[in-house]
Every structure is written in structure tokens, then in C-alpha cells.
Amino acid sequence: MIKPLNDLVIIDPFPVENKTSSGIIIPDIAKEKQQEGIVYAVGPGKKNYNMTVKKGDKVLYVKYSGTELKINDKKYIIMHENDILAIIK
């Protein structure tokens, strides 16, 4: 288990599609960077700042934000909460 510090959030991004709806295989170079995922872990926040997201929230985040990291052979993204654009209901 990993616990982010301050206002950091760890996101489990949704997988990127390998095929189009018509069945054409998309090469790695042409794949779009994922912008949606599930919150895996949330830091405690900063002084005078409470965290808005919580573990398990489905979120939309800035396309090229955060840093990729690997935990138990699974890829995650760690980013500041202010890089999260919306909680998807």
C-alpha cells in the first residue's frame, strides 16, 4: 500500500482502447492519453485545505498531468488534486 502526502492523489487510469469501434487496431503511437480513472488513494490535504475527492471516485483529469508510477506491476498516476477536473457520477 502507498499513502500519498499533502494534496496528492493516486489514480488508477482506465485502459486505453486498442481498437476503434469498426475494428481497426490503433498503433501505440496513435493512442490518445487516458483522462479518466478511479481514485486509488488520497493524501490528507494541506493546512487550511481539505481534499474534495475520496478513494473510489471516478474522475476526469488533465490529459498530460501527473507522474506515472508502478505498484505491484500495475501502472498508476500520482498528481495534485487541482489537476483533477471533475468527479464523474
Protein backbone atom coordinates (compact mmCIF):
# COMPACT_ATOMS: atom_id res chain seq x y z
CA MET A 1 0.00 0.00 0.00
CA ILE A 2 1.17 3.52 -0.75
CA LYS A 3 -0.07 6.66 1.01
CA PRO A 4 0.28 9.95 -0.90
CA LEU A 5 1.33 13.08 1.02
CA ASN A 6 -0.31 16.51 1.21
CA ASP A 7 -2.73 17.19 -1.68
CA LEU A 8 -1.54 14.31 -3.86
CA VAL A 9 -3.88 11.70 -5.31
CA ILE A 10 -3.09 8.34 -6.91
CA ILE A 11 -5.27 7.47 -9.92
CA ASP A 12 -5.86 4.05 -11.48
CA PRO A 13 -6.38 5.10 -15.14
CA PHE A 14 -8.89 3.31 -17.33
CA PRO A 15 -7.26 1.19 -20.05
CA VAL A 16 -6.66 2.80 -23.45
CA GLU A 17 -8.68 1.32 -26.32
CA ASN A 18 -6.66 -0.87 -28.73
CA LYS A 19 -9.31 -0.91 -31.48
CA THR A 20 -11.76 1.54 -32.97
CA SER A 21 -15.48 0.74 -32.93
CA SER A 22 -15.13 -0.52 -36.53
CA GLY A 23 -12.34 -2.95 -35.53
CA ILE A 24 -9.25 -1.08 -36.76
CA ILE A 25 -6.24 -1.70 -34.48
CA ILE A 26 -4.72 1.52 -33.15
CA PRO A 27 -0.87 1.55 -33.01
CA ASP A 28 0.78 2.68 -29.74
CA ILE A 29 2.00 5.92 -31.33
CA ALA A 30 -1.54 6.99 -32.30
CA LYS A 31 -3.25 6.15 -28.99
CA GLU A 32 -4.75 9.03 -27.03
CA LYS A 33 -3.57 9.57 -23.47
CA GLN A 34 -6.24 8.47 -20.98
CA GLN A 35 -8.05 11.19 -19.00
CA GLU A 36 -10.36 9.12 -16.79
CA GLY A 37 -9.74 6.80 -13.89
CA ILE A 38 -10.61 5.71 -10.38
CA VAL A 39 -9.05 7.31 -7.30
CA TYR A 40 -6.82 4.66 -5.68
CA ALA A 41 -5.50 6.69 -2.72
CA VAL A 42 -5.82 10.24 -1.37
CA GLY A 43 -3.41 12.30 0.74
CA PRO A 44 -4.54 14.11 3.90
CA GLY A 45 -4.56 17.58 2.32
CA LYS A 46 -2.63 20.68 3.38
CA LYS A 47 -3.08 23.24 6.12
CA ASN A 48 -6.38 25.07 5.51
CA TYR A 49 -7.14 22.77 2.55
CA ASN A 50 -9.49 19.78 2.71
CA MET A 51 -9.46 17.17 -0.03
CA THR A 52 -12.53 17.01 -2.29
CA VAL A 53 -12.04 13.58 -3.87
CA LYS A 54 -12.09 10.29 -1.99
CA LYS A 55 -10.96 6.75 -2.71
CA GLY A 56 -13.20 5.08 -5.29
CA ASP A 57 -14.34 8.28 -7.06
CA LYS A 58 -14.42 8.14 -10.87
CA VAL A 59 -12.60 11.27 -12.08
CA LEU A 60 -11.68 13.21 -15.20
CA TYR A 61 -8.18 14.74 -15.08
CA VAL A 62 -5.86 16.92 -17.18
CA LYS A 63 -4.51 14.89 -20.10
CA TYR A 64 -0.74 15.27 -19.52
CA SER A 65 -0.71 15.77 -15.75
CA GLY A 66 0.92 13.74 -13.04
CA THR A 67 3.71 11.20 -12.90
CA GLU A 68 3.33 7.56 -13.84
CA LEU A 69 4.37 5.01 -11.24
CA LYS A 70 4.25 1.25 -10.95
CA ILE A 71 2.89 -0.53 -7.86
CA ASN A 72 2.87 -4.35 -7.88
CA ASP A 73 3.30 -4.42 -11.70
CA LYS A 74 0.29 -2.11 -12.24
CA LYS A 75 0.58 1.42 -13.64
CA TYR A 76 -0.89 4.35 -11.70
CA ILE A 77 -0.64 8.14 -11.96
CA ILE A 78 0.16 10.39 -9.00
CA MET A 79 -0.96 14.02 -9.32
CA HIS A 80 -2.07 17.06 -7.33
CA GLU A 81 -5.78 17.22 -6.63
CA ASN A 82 -6.05 20.51 -8.57
CA ASP A 83 -5.17 18.54 -11.77
CA ILE A 84 -8.49 16.71 -11.39
CA LEU A 85 -11.17 18.46 -13.46
CA ALA A 86 -14.33 16.68 -12.31
CA ILE A 87 -15.84 13.81 -10.39
CA ILE A 88 -17.96 11.68 -12.73
CA LYS A 89 -21.24 10.42 -11.21
